[in-house]
Amino acid sequence: MNVTELFARLDGATIPGGCPDCDSETDIAIKNGVAHLSLHHDDDCPTWIRIQARR
């Protein structure tokens, strides 16, 4: 199984984790054959706070 096949099996899934600093979740979606990963941090996550401060 290659990476494309692996992500295709996970299309639409939400998996726990993705950030070592909070109880984040990662959504996986396949659009036009491309895997899109969306990481959702906790509001009080220090990593998320640093990311937002740079914007």
C-alpha atoms as a PDB file:
ATOM      1  CA  MET A   1       0.000   0.000   0.000  1.00  0.00           C
ATOM      2  CA  ASN A   2       1.392   3.415  -0.906  1.00  0.00           C
ATOM      3  CA  VAL A   3       0.730   6.730   0.831  1.00  0.00           C
ATOM      4  CA  THR A   4      -2.027   7.703  -1.611  1.00  0.00           C
ATOM      5  CA  GLU A   5      -3.894   4.452  -0.938  1.00  0.00           C
ATOM      6  CA  LEU A   6      -3.444   4.864   2.813  1.00  0.00           C
ATOM      7  CA  PHE A   7      -4.904   8.378   2.825  1.00  0.00           C
ATOM      8  CA  ALA A   8      -7.732   7.258   0.513  1.00  0.00           C
ATOM      9  CA  ARG A   9      -8.773   4.752   3.170  1.00  0.00           C
ATOM     10  CA  LEU A  10      -8.748   7.521   5.777  1.00  0.00           C
ATOM     11  CA  ASP A  11     -10.763  10.008   3.700  1.00  0.00           C
ATOM     12  CA  GLY A  12     -13.321  11.683   5.961  1.00  0.00           C
ATOM     13  CA  ALA A  13     -11.695  10.419   9.153  1.00  0.00           C
ATOM     14  CA  THR A  14     -10.891  12.439  12.242  1.00  0.00           C
ATOM     15  CA  ILE A  15      -7.962  11.029  14.171  1.00  0.00           C
ATOM     16  CA  PRO A  16      -6.694  12.038  17.598  1.00  0.00           C
ATOM     17  CA  GLY A  17      -3.396  13.818  17.884  1.00  0.00           C
ATOM     18  CA  GLY A  18      -1.138  15.889  15.714  1.00  0.00           C
ATOM     19  CA  CYS A  19       0.167  18.316  18.323  1.00  0.00           C
ATOM     20  CA  PRO A  20       2.324  17.323  21.296  1.00  0.00           C
ATOM     21  CA  ASP A  21       1.079  20.310  23.333  1.00  0.00           C
ATOM     22  CA  CYS A  22      -2.694  19.698  23.361  1.00  0.00           C
ATOM     23  CA  ASP A  23      -5.484  17.195  22.719  1.00  0.00           C
ATOM     24  CA  SER A  24      -5.708  18.129  19.050  1.00  0.00           C
ATOM     25  CA  GLU A  25      -7.565  16.265  16.332  1.00  0.00           C
ATOM     26  CA  THR A  26      -6.664  15.934  12.667  1.00  0.00           C
ATOM     27  CA  ASP A  27      -9.257  15.779   9.884  1.00  0.00           C
ATOM     28  CA  ILE A  28      -8.297  13.970   6.680  1.00  0.00           C
ATOM     29  CA  ALA A  29      -9.970  14.780   3.371  1.00  0.00           C
ATOM     30  CA  ILE A  30      -9.082  13.785  -0.187  1.00  0.00           C
ATOM     31  CA  LYS A  31      -9.859  16.422  -2.832  1.00  0.00           C
ATOM     32  CA  ASN A  32      -8.936  15.827  -6.468  1.00  0.00           C
ATOM     33  CA  GLY A  33      -6.523  13.097  -5.406  1.00  0.00           C
ATOM     34  CA  VAL A  34      -4.676  15.329  -2.924  1.00  0.00           C
ATOM     35  CA  ALA A  35      -4.705  14.617   0.821  1.00  0.00           C
ATOM     36  CA  HIS A  36      -5.640  17.614   2.977  1.00  0.00           C
ATOM     37  CA  LEU A  37      -4.869  17.394   6.689  1.00  0.00           C
ATOM     38  CA  SER A  38      -6.525  19.938   8.998  1.00  0.00           C
ATOM     39  CA  LEU A  39      -5.185  20.119  12.532  1.00  0.00           C
ATOM     40  CA  HIS A  40      -7.528  21.484  15.212  1.00  0.00           C
ATOM     41  CA  HIS A  41      -5.731  22.680  18.360  1.00  0.00           C
ATOM     42  CA  ASP A  42      -7.281  23.354  21.749  1.00  0.00           C
ATOM     43  CA  ASP A  43      -7.934  27.091  22.250  1.00  0.00           C
ATOM     44  CA  ASP A  44      -5.389  27.268  25.082  1.00  0.00           C
ATOM     45  CA  CYS A  45      -2.667  25.301  23.257  1.00  0.00           C
ATOM     46  CA  PRO A  46       0.694  27.113  23.536  1.00  0.00           C
ATOM     47  CA  THR A  47       1.630  26.119  19.980  1.00  0.00           C
ATOM     48  CA  TRP A  48      -1.669  27.482  18.619  1.00  0.00           C
ATOM     49  CA  ILE A  49      -1.200  30.707  20.595  1.00  0.00           C
ATOM     50  CA  ARG A  50       2.297  31.154  19.077  1.00  0.00           C
ATOM     51  CA  ILE A  51       0.949  30.523  15.555  1.00  0.00           C
ATOM     52  CA  GLN A  52      -1.805  33.107  16.036  1.00  0.00           C
ATOM     53  CA  ALA A  53       0.639  35.680  17.465  1.00  0.00           C
ATOM     54  CA  ARG A  54       2.632  35.599  14.189  1.00  0.00           C
ATOM     55  CA  ARG A  55      -0.374  36.572  12.082  1.00  0.00           C
END
